[in-house]
Protein backbone atom coordinates (compact mmCIF):
# COMPACT_ATOMS: atom_id res chain seq x y z
CA MET A 1 -26.45 117.90 92.69
CA SER A 2 -25.38 115.56 89.92
CA PHE A 3 -22.25 113.45 90.30
CA ASN A 4 -19.69 114.56 87.71
CA LYS A 5 -17.74 111.30 87.52
CA LYS A 6 -18.49 108.30 85.34
CA THR A 7 -20.18 105.40 87.09
CA ILE A 8 -20.69 101.74 86.29
CA LYS A 9 -23.86 102.77 84.44
CA ASP A 10 -21.83 104.86 81.97
CA VAL A 11 -19.47 102.12 80.75
CA GLY A 12 -19.60 98.61 79.34
CA LEU A 13 -18.76 95.84 81.80
CA ALA A 14 -19.66 92.73 79.81
CA ASP A 15 -16.92 90.12 79.29
CA LYS A 16 -14.39 92.15 81.28
CA VAL A 17 -12.46 91.44 84.47
CA ILE A 18 -13.72 94.08 86.91
CA LEU A 19 -11.65 95.11 89.94
CA LEU A 20 -13.97 96.53 92.62
CA ARG A 21 -12.60 98.48 95.59
CA ALA A 22 -15.00 98.10 98.51
CA ASP A 23 -14.59 99.23 102.12
CA TYR A 24 -15.04 96.24 104.39
CA ASN A 25 -13.06 97.67 107.30
CA LEU A 26 -15.46 96.45 109.98
CA PRO A 27 -15.10 96.26 113.77
CA ASP A 28 -16.64 92.78 113.61
CA ILE A 29 -18.63 90.66 111.19
CA ASP A 30 -21.91 91.42 112.96
CA SER A 31 -21.52 95.10 112.02
CA ASP A 32 -22.18 94.40 108.36
CA TYR A 33 -23.80 97.69 107.31
CA ARG A 34 -20.92 98.52 104.97
CA ILE A 35 -21.09 95.09 103.37
CA LYS A 36 -24.83 95.40 102.78
CA GLN A 37 -24.43 98.86 101.26
CA SER A 38 -22.01 97.46 98.65
CA VAL A 39 -24.44 94.77 97.47
CA PRO A 40 -26.38 96.93 94.93
CA THR A 41 -23.13 97.77 93.12
CA ILE A 42 -22.06 94.12 93.08
CA GLU A 43 -25.45 92.94 91.84
CA TYR A 44 -25.51 95.57 89.08
CA ILE A 45 -22.04 94.56 87.88
CA LEU A 46 -22.97 90.87 87.84
CA LYS A 47 -26.11 91.59 85.79
CA GLN A 48 -23.84 93.06 83.09
CA ARG A 49 -22.21 89.61 82.72
CA PRO A 50 -18.55 90.41 83.39
CA LYS A 51 -15.92 87.75 82.84
CA LEU A 52 -14.90 87.99 86.50
CA LEU A 53 -15.59 90.31 89.44
CA VAL A 54 -12.62 90.72 91.79
CA ILE A 55 -13.28 92.52 95.09
CA ILE A 56 -10.50 94.16 97.10
CA SER A 57 -10.51 95.83 100.52
CA HIS A 58 -8.48 96.35 103.66
CA LEU A 59 -9.24 95.50 107.27
CA GLY A 60 -7.62 97.14 110.28
CA ARG A 61 -4.10 98.52 110.40
CA PRO A 62 -1.79 95.50 110.15
CA LYS A 63 1.95 96.07 109.89
CA LYS A 64 2.39 92.56 108.49
CA VAL A 65 0.30 89.49 107.70
CA ASP A 66 -2.15 88.97 110.56
CA LYS A 67 -4.68 86.17 110.18
CA GLU A 68 -6.91 87.89 112.75
CA LEU A 69 -7.43 90.55 110.06
CA SER A 70 -8.07 88.19 107.17
CA LEU A 71 -10.93 89.03 104.81
CA GLN A 72 -11.95 85.37 104.45
CA PRO A 73 -14.82 85.62 107.00
CA ILE A 74 -16.10 88.69 105.16
CA ALA A 75 -15.98 86.80 101.85
CA ARG A 76 -18.14 84.06 103.38
CA HIS A 77 -20.58 86.62 104.82
CA LEU A 78 -20.84 88.45 101.49
CA GLY A 79 -21.58 85.13 99.82
CA ARG A 80 -24.54 84.62 102.15
CA LEU A 81 -25.86 88.10 101.34
CA LEU A 82 -25.49 87.51 97.59
CA ASN A 83 -26.79 83.94 97.82
CA ARG A 84 -23.85 82.72 95.78
CA ARG A 85 -20.30 81.57 96.39
CA VAL A 86 -17.62 84.21 96.78
CA TYR A 87 -14.24 82.63 96.13
CA PHE A 88 -11.27 83.73 98.22
CA ALA A 89 -7.58 84.10 97.38
CA PRO A 90 -5.02 83.79 100.22
CA ASP A 91 -3.11 86.84 98.94
CA CYS A 92 -3.88 89.88 96.82
CA ILE A 93 -0.89 89.71 94.45
CA GLY A 94 1.39 87.03 93.06
CA ASP A 95 1.16 83.47 91.78
CA GLU A 96 -1.34 82.28 94.39
CA VAL A 97 -3.88 84.76 93.07
CA LYS A 98 -3.11 83.86 89.45
CA ASP A 99 -3.68 80.20 90.27
CA VAL A 100 -7.09 80.88 91.82
CA VAL A 101 -8.13 83.12 88.91
CA SER A 102 -7.14 80.46 86.37
CA ARG A 103 -9.61 78.00 87.92
CA LEU A 104 -12.64 80.32 87.98
CA LYS A 105 -15.51 80.37 85.50
CA ASP A 106 -17.04 83.33 83.69
CA GLY A 107 -19.26 85.37 86.02
CA ASP A 108 -17.61 84.21 89.24
CA VAL A 109 -16.88 86.50 92.20
CA LEU A 110 -13.47 86.51 93.89
CA MET A 111 -12.31 88.38 96.99
CA LEU A 112 -8.61 88.95 97.54
CA GLU A 113 -6.84 88.98 100.89
CA ASN A 114 -6.32 92.16 102.96
CA LEU A 115 -4.55 94.81 100.87
CA ARG A 116 -2.73 96.19 103.90
CA PHE A 117 -0.80 92.96 104.38
CA HIS A 118 1.47 94.64 101.81
CA ALA A 119 3.20 97.96 102.57
CA GLY A 120 2.73 99.07 98.97
CA GLU A 121 -0.97 99.72 99.56
CA GLU A 122 -0.56 102.61 101.99
CA GLN A 123 2.58 103.79 100.17
CA ASN A 124 0.46 104.39 97.05
CA SER A 125 2.94 102.21 95.18
CA PRO A 126 2.47 102.02 91.38
CA GLU A 127 4.30 98.69 91.48
CA PHE A 128 1.80 97.28 93.97
CA ALA A 129 -1.11 98.57 91.87
CA LYS A 130 0.38 96.94 88.78
CA ALA A 131 0.84 93.68 90.70
CA LEU A 132 -2.90 93.70 91.52
CA ILE A 133 -3.67 94.01 87.83
CA ASP A 134 -1.13 91.39 86.76
CA ALA A 135 -2.46 88.85 89.27
CA THR A 136 -6.12 89.29 88.33
CA GLY A 137 -6.06 90.38 84.70
CA ALA A 138 -8.23 93.36 85.63
CA GLU A 139 -9.47 95.50 82.74
CA MET A 140 -11.58 98.08 84.59
CA PHE A 141 -11.50 99.55 88.08
CA VAL A 142 -14.62 100.44 90.09
CA GLN A 143 -14.27 102.59 93.22
CA ASP A 144 -17.10 101.95 95.66
CA GLY A 145 -15.27 102.25 98.98
CA PHE A 146 -16.43 105.69 100.11
CA GLY A 147 -14.72 105.23 103.47
CA VAL A 148 -11.27 105.22 101.82
CA VAL A 149 -11.49 107.82 99.05
CA HIS A 150 -9.92 110.50 101.24
CA ARG A 151 -6.71 108.44 101.21
CA ALA A 152 -4.22 108.43 98.34
CA HIS A 153 -3.37 104.72 98.48
CA ALA A 154 -2.52 102.23 95.76
CA SER A 155 -6.12 100.95 95.61
CA THR A 156 -7.62 104.45 95.48
CA ASP A 157 -5.08 106.48 93.51
CA ALA A 158 -2.21 104.61 91.81
CA ILE A 159 -4.56 102.01 90.33
CA THR A 160 -6.55 104.71 88.51
CA ARG A 161 -3.52 105.62 86.42
CA LEU A 162 -3.32 102.07 85.11
CA LEU A 163 -6.98 101.20 84.44
CA PRO A 164 -10.13 103.00 83.26
CA SER A 165 -11.72 103.94 86.59
CA VAL A 166 -15.35 104.69 87.45
CA ALA A 167 -17.54 105.00 90.53
CA GLY A 168 -19.87 102.42 92.02
CA LEU A 169 -23.45 103.13 93.04
CA LEU A 170 -22.67 103.54 96.75
CA LEU A 171 -19.94 106.09 96.11
CA GLU A 172 -22.21 108.05 93.79
CA ARG A 173 -25.04 108.10 96.36
CA GLU A 174 -22.74 109.13 99.22
CA VAL A 175 -21.26 112.05 97.31
CA GLU A 176 -24.57 113.28 95.91
CA THR A 177 -26.36 113.12 99.26
CA ILE A 178 -23.68 114.78 101.40
CA THR A 179 -22.89 117.44 98.80
CA GLU A 180 -26.55 118.35 98.34
CA VAL A 181 -27.17 118.65 102.10
CA MET A 182 -24.14 120.89 102.54
CA LYS A 183 -25.04 123.04 99.53
CA ASN A 184 -28.83 123.34 99.72
CA PRO A 185 -30.12 122.31 103.16
CA GLU A 186 -33.78 122.80 103.97
CA ARG A 187 -33.95 125.06 107.01
CA PRO A 188 -33.81 125.14 109.95
CA LEU A 189 -30.58 123.13 109.84
CA VAL A 190 -29.35 121.68 113.14
CA ALA A 191 -25.91 120.07 113.41
CA VAL A 192 -25.05 117.78 116.32
CA ILE A 193 -21.31 117.21 116.76
CA GLY A 194 -19.77 114.79 119.24
CA GLY A 195 -16.76 112.54 119.42
CA ALA A 196 -13.38 113.38 120.87
CA LYS A 197 -10.81 115.47 119.02
CA ILE A 198 -11.64 118.92 117.67
CA SER A 199 -8.59 118.78 115.40
CA ASP A 200 -10.20 115.89 113.49
CA LYS A 201 -13.36 117.92 112.90
CA LEU A 202 -12.15 121.53 112.96
CA GLU A 203 -12.80 122.27 109.30
CA VAL A 204 -16.24 120.70 109.26
CA MET A 205 -17.13 122.43 112.56
CA ASN A 206 -16.15 125.79 111.13
CA ARG A 207 -18.21 125.11 108.02
CA LEU A 208 -21.21 124.01 110.08
CA VAL A 209 -21.00 127.13 112.24
CA GLU A 210 -21.18 129.11 108.98
CA LEU A 211 -23.97 126.98 107.49
CA ALA A 212 -26.23 125.80 110.30
CA ASP A 213 -28.91 127.58 112.31
CA CYS A 214 -27.89 125.67 115.42
CA VAL A 215 -24.79 123.65 116.34
CA ALA A 216 -24.97 121.42 119.42
CA VAL A 217 -21.76 119.97 120.85
CA GLY A 218 -21.42 116.94 123.11
CA GLY A 219 -19.11 114.05 123.83
CA ALA A 220 -15.49 114.50 124.83
CA MET A 221 -15.23 117.34 122.31
CA ALA A 222 -17.46 119.47 124.52
CA ASN A 223 -14.98 119.16 127.38
CA ASN A 224 -12.58 121.50 125.58
CA PHE A 225 -15.26 124.20 125.34
CA LEU A 226 -16.34 123.67 128.95
CA LYS A 227 -12.75 124.05 130.13
CA ILE A 228 -12.40 127.30 128.18
CA ARG A 229 -15.57 128.55 129.86
CA GLY A 230 -14.01 127.86 133.25
CA TYR A 231 -15.88 124.72 134.27
CA ALA A 232 -14.12 122.02 136.26
CA ILE A 233 -14.05 118.82 134.20
CA GLY A 234 -12.14 116.50 136.57
CA HIS A 235 -10.15 113.91 134.68
CA SER A 236 -12.47 114.03 131.67
CA LEU A 237 -10.90 113.39 128.30
CA TYR A 238 -9.72 116.56 126.55
CA ASP A 239 -6.73 117.62 124.50
CA LYS A 240 -4.63 120.63 125.54
CA ASP A 241 -3.58 121.08 121.93
CA ASP A 242 -7.24 121.45 120.96
CA LEU A 243 -8.00 124.31 123.37
CA LYS A 244 -6.74 126.93 120.91
CA LEU A 245 -8.88 125.41 118.15
CA ALA A 246 -11.88 125.37 120.48
CA ARG A 247 -11.41 129.08 121.19
CA GLU A 248 -11.39 129.78 117.45
CA VAL A 249 -14.63 127.87 116.90
CA LEU A 250 -16.26 129.44 119.95
CA GLY A 251 -15.23 132.93 118.84
CA LYS A 252 -16.66 132.34 115.40
CA ALA A 253 -19.92 131.00 116.85
CA GLU A 254 -20.31 133.91 119.28
CA ALA A 255 -19.63 136.43 116.52
CA LYS A 256 -22.32 134.85 114.32
CA SER A 257 -24.86 134.73 117.16
CA ARG A 258 -24.45 138.50 117.69
CA LYS A 259 -25.29 139.19 114.04
CA GLN A 260 -28.12 136.75 113.36
CA SER A 261 -30.31 134.05 114.85
CA PHE A 262 -27.86 131.26 115.65
CA SER A 263 -27.31 128.98 118.63
CA PHE A 264 -24.16 127.19 119.76
CA LEU A 265 -25.27 124.73 122.42
CA LEU A 266 -22.87 123.32 125.00
CA PRO A 267 -23.83 120.90 127.77
CA VAL A 268 -25.47 122.55 130.78
CA ASP A 269 -25.38 119.36 132.81
CA ALA A 270 -23.42 116.13 132.63
CA VAL A 271 -23.35 112.54 133.78
CA VAL A 272 -20.12 111.83 135.65
CA SER A 273 -18.46 108.70 136.98
CA LYS A 274 -15.18 107.77 138.65
CA THR A 275 -14.50 105.23 135.89
CA VAL A 276 -15.53 104.93 132.26
CA ASP A 277 -15.97 101.16 132.19
CA GLY A 278 -19.61 101.26 133.26
CA ARG A 279 -18.90 99.59 136.61
CA SER A 280 -18.98 102.65 138.89
CA SER A 281 -21.95 104.64 140.10
CA THR A 282 -22.91 107.81 138.27
CA ARG A 283 -24.38 111.16 139.24
CA ILE A 284 -25.63 114.23 137.42
CA VAL A 285 -23.71 117.48 137.76
CA ASP A 286 -25.55 120.72 137.05
CA LEU A 287 -22.90 122.68 135.19
CA ALA A 288 -25.14 125.61 134.34
CA SER A 289 -28.75 124.44 134.14
CA HIS A 290 -29.67 124.84 137.84
CA THR A 291 -32.41 122.30 137.33
CA ILE A 292 -31.73 118.79 138.58
CA SER A 293 -29.74 119.79 141.67
CA ASP A 294 -32.18 122.56 142.60
CA ILE A 295 -35.11 120.14 142.42
CA GLU A 296 -33.28 117.47 144.40
CA ALA A 297 -32.20 119.90 147.13
CA TYR A 298 -35.40 121.96 147.34
CA PRO A 299 -36.04 123.88 149.53
CA ARG A 300 -32.41 123.81 150.60
CA ILE A 301 -29.56 125.31 148.61
CA PRO A 302 -27.63 122.61 146.70
CA LYS A 303 -24.17 121.72 147.89
CA PRO A 304 -21.24 122.98 145.76
CA ALA A 305 -20.56 119.42 144.56
CA ALA A 306 -23.88 119.50 142.73
CA TYR A 307 -22.41 122.04 140.32
CA ASN A 308 -18.86 120.72 140.04
CA VAL A 309 -17.21 117.68 138.50
CA GLY A 310 -14.91 116.18 141.12
CA GLN A 311 -11.19 115.82 140.48
CA ASN A 312 -11.60 112.05 140.56
CA GLU A 313 -14.60 112.07 138.19
CA ALA A 314 -14.97 112.18 134.42
CA ILE A 315 -17.82 113.35 132.20
CA VAL A 316 -19.22 110.29 130.43
CA ASP A 317 -22.46 111.62 128.91
CA ILE A 318 -24.45 114.78 128.45
CA GLY A 319 -27.07 115.25 131.15
CA PRO A 320 -30.86 115.00 130.73
CA VAL A 321 -31.39 118.77 130.56
CA SER A 322 -28.74 119.11 127.84
CA ALA A 323 -30.31 116.24 125.92
CA ALA A 324 -33.75 117.83 126.27
CA LYS A 325 -32.46 121.20 125.00
CA ILE A 326 -30.94 119.59 121.92
CA ALA A 327 -34.06 117.49 121.37
CA GLY A 328 -36.17 120.65 121.52
CA ARG A 329 -34.12 122.27 118.75
CA LEU A 330 -34.31 119.10 116.69
CA GLY A 331 -38.09 119.18 117.01
CA LEU A 332 -38.12 122.28 114.79
CA ALA A 333 -35.43 121.17 112.34
CA LYS A 334 -36.01 120.29 108.71
CA THR A 335 -32.44 119.08 108.17
CA VAL A 336 -30.19 117.35 110.70
CA ILE A 337 -26.48 116.57 110.39
CA TRP A 338 -25.09 114.29 113.10
CA ASN A 339 -21.48 113.28 113.57
CA GLY A 340 -20.18 111.83 116.83
CA THR A 341 -21.85 110.24 119.84
CA LEU A 342 -22.56 112.47 122.84
CA GLY A 343 -21.14 110.19 125.51
CA VAL A 344 -19.14 107.01 125.95
CA ALA A 345 -21.90 105.23 124.08
CA GLU A 346 -19.90 102.13 123.22
CA VAL A 347 -19.64 101.05 126.88
CA HIS A 348 -22.21 98.40 127.76
CA GLY A 349 -21.76 98.31 131.51
CA ILE A 350 -23.60 96.11 133.97
CA ALA A 351 -27.07 97.21 132.88
CA GLY A 352 -26.86 95.85 129.33
CA ALA A 353 -26.28 97.16 125.84
CA HIS A 354 -26.01 100.92 125.42
CA ALA A 355 -26.01 101.45 129.17
CA PRO A 356 -25.15 103.44 131.12
CA PHE A 357 -23.54 106.26 129.12
CA ALA A 358 -25.63 106.36 125.92
CA HIS A 359 -28.77 107.95 127.36
CA GLY A 360 -28.04 111.39 125.94
CA THR A 361 -27.14 109.97 122.55
CA ARG A 362 -30.35 107.93 122.42
CA VAL A 363 -32.57 110.85 123.47
CA VAL A 364 -31.04 113.00 120.73
CA ALA A 365 -31.29 110.19 118.17
CA ASP A 366 -34.96 109.67 119.00
CA ALA A 367 -35.59 113.39 118.55
CA MET A 368 -34.05 113.21 115.07
CA ILE A 369 -36.13 110.28 113.85
CA GLY A 370 -39.35 111.08 115.71
CA PRO A 371 -40.37 107.69 117.16
CA HIS A 372 -44.15 107.17 117.31
CA ASN A 373 -44.55 110.29 115.13
CA ARG A 374 -43.73 112.68 117.97
CA HIS A 375 -41.62 114.84 115.66
CA PRO A 376 -43.94 117.49 114.16
CA ILE A 377 -41.70 117.80 111.11
CA LYS A 378 -39.73 114.72 110.08
CA PRO A 379 -36.33 116.24 109.20
CA PHE A 380 -33.95 114.90 106.60
CA SER A 381 -31.28 113.20 108.69
CA LEU A 382 -27.66 112.73 107.61
CA VAL A 383 -25.52 110.61 109.92
CA GLY A 384 -21.76 110.87 109.54
CA GLY A 385 -19.72 107.70 109.63
CA GLY A 386 -17.35 106.30 112.23
CA ASP A 387 -18.60 105.80 115.79
CA THR A 388 -21.94 107.46 114.98
CA SER A 389 -22.99 104.97 112.32
CA GLY A 390 -21.63 102.20 114.53
CA TYR A 391 -23.90 103.32 117.37
CA VAL A 392 -26.91 103.71 115.07
CA GLU A 393 -26.34 100.21 113.71
CA SER A 394 -25.90 98.59 117.13
CA ALA A 395 -29.03 100.36 118.41
CA GLY A 396 -31.07 99.02 115.49
CA LEU A 397 -31.86 102.49 114.16
CA ILE A 398 -30.23 102.32 110.71
CA ASP A 399 -33.51 102.28 108.79
CA ASP A 400 -34.92 105.24 110.73
CA PHE A 401 -32.41 107.72 109.31
CA ASP A 402 -32.46 109.04 105.76
CA HIS A 403 -28.76 108.58 105.08
CA VAL A 404 -26.21 106.82 107.28
CA SER A 405 -22.80 107.32 105.71
CA THR A 406 -20.31 104.48 105.35
CA GLY A 407 -17.42 106.93 105.55
CA GLY A 408 -15.73 108.34 108.64
CA GLY A 409 -12.93 110.69 107.65
CA ALA A 410 -14.20 110.75 104.08
CA SER A 411 -17.61 112.09 105.06
CA LEU A 412 -15.99 114.75 107.28
CA GLU A 413 -13.68 115.92 104.51
CA LEU A 414 -16.50 115.98 101.97
CA MET A 415 -18.68 118.00 104.38
CA ALA A 416 -15.77 120.39 104.83
CA GLY A 417 -15.69 120.95 101.07
CA LYS A 418 -12.42 119.17 100.42
CA GLN A 419 -11.55 117.33 97.23
CA LEU A 420 -11.04 113.61 97.84
CA PRO A 421 -8.17 112.00 95.89
CA GLY A 422 -9.99 108.71 95.34
CA ILE A 423 -12.84 110.56 93.63
CA GLU A 424 -10.79 113.11 91.72
CA ALA A 425 -8.85 110.25 90.10
CA LEU A 426 -11.97 108.79 88.44
CA LEU A 427 -13.00 109.46 84.85
CA ASP A 428 -15.02 112.65 84.33
CA LYS A 429 -18.55 112.24 83.02
CA ASN A 430 -18.12 114.91 80.35
């Protein structure tokens, strides 16, 4: 599907001051996937010989100036990736920025300080947007921060009413890829959904139930469905307010499965622990698989605890049988959509990185990418942003997937078919 907004390839950039909105909201500087994905846009702009390239972004959720959330380290890191100096301004508006701009040469790159140090950014303030332009002399705006285009903020919305505004190459690729997968997936399509709150993913879950041939649910989100089904979940994370939403999704899935070939997979076993910090022992609970506990107890009958999560325990990962079931479905898939880890994958624990609660996530990830060519059909794999892309990056698997999105909420809303204000505000191609 073609992108219907103008991009940097549709307009002249030479001898102009270009204001580029990137998304450098990173958990730490080592997680630089988003920075690297912005480099092609930056390099293309610089090849067009602009007068000045000014890059803006936010970092974190500061309520005031917080030097711990300064973009200066990111400016230095970007400079290393570009193999050139990226100048830095200690503010994003005002005389300090004007002073820095006045001392730069044609073709230089400047990064401004964290936009969210000013309340006007999140308030979508026209005055703040105008102050950005006044301080930099910007003549054209380029939106390349896919992770923020679902927000109507000053740097995504108000600014577009003051400057000609086009898309960068990353934004174009994100929209085209996600839209095409959701519109014309090659089948079978398997969706794997994890994470915590159903309310954050309700619309995309409903759409995936409609679209996919199989939807597999894991992570804390699955706890809501397990509770509805009557399983004890101990003190596992779940949201009472999400139970009604879970019933709606489950009802829709069950209705579809009665009419056509469709599977809605919930965990049949789980890894549980008394704490979620990776410092307590774990055990596997057979919720419904009657596999692990039966083998361990054979020829005796398993004790009731083998099938029940204790009141002082929490589910921290899907079990090996659940992971194997999902992996089996993925082995037949031609398209895979993945959003949300299937356990507390970010906990390192005493056994090292990605241990002990990321086993299910890793088994499922390996089934998607087919390590050592075990996958009979290499599916097209789309990884949603947020904690999923963070896990994929930390596990060193980024290059094994076809598309790892840089957007969290933005990718979810685009998958759900919503219009994103930061994209709608850009100039139409025709």
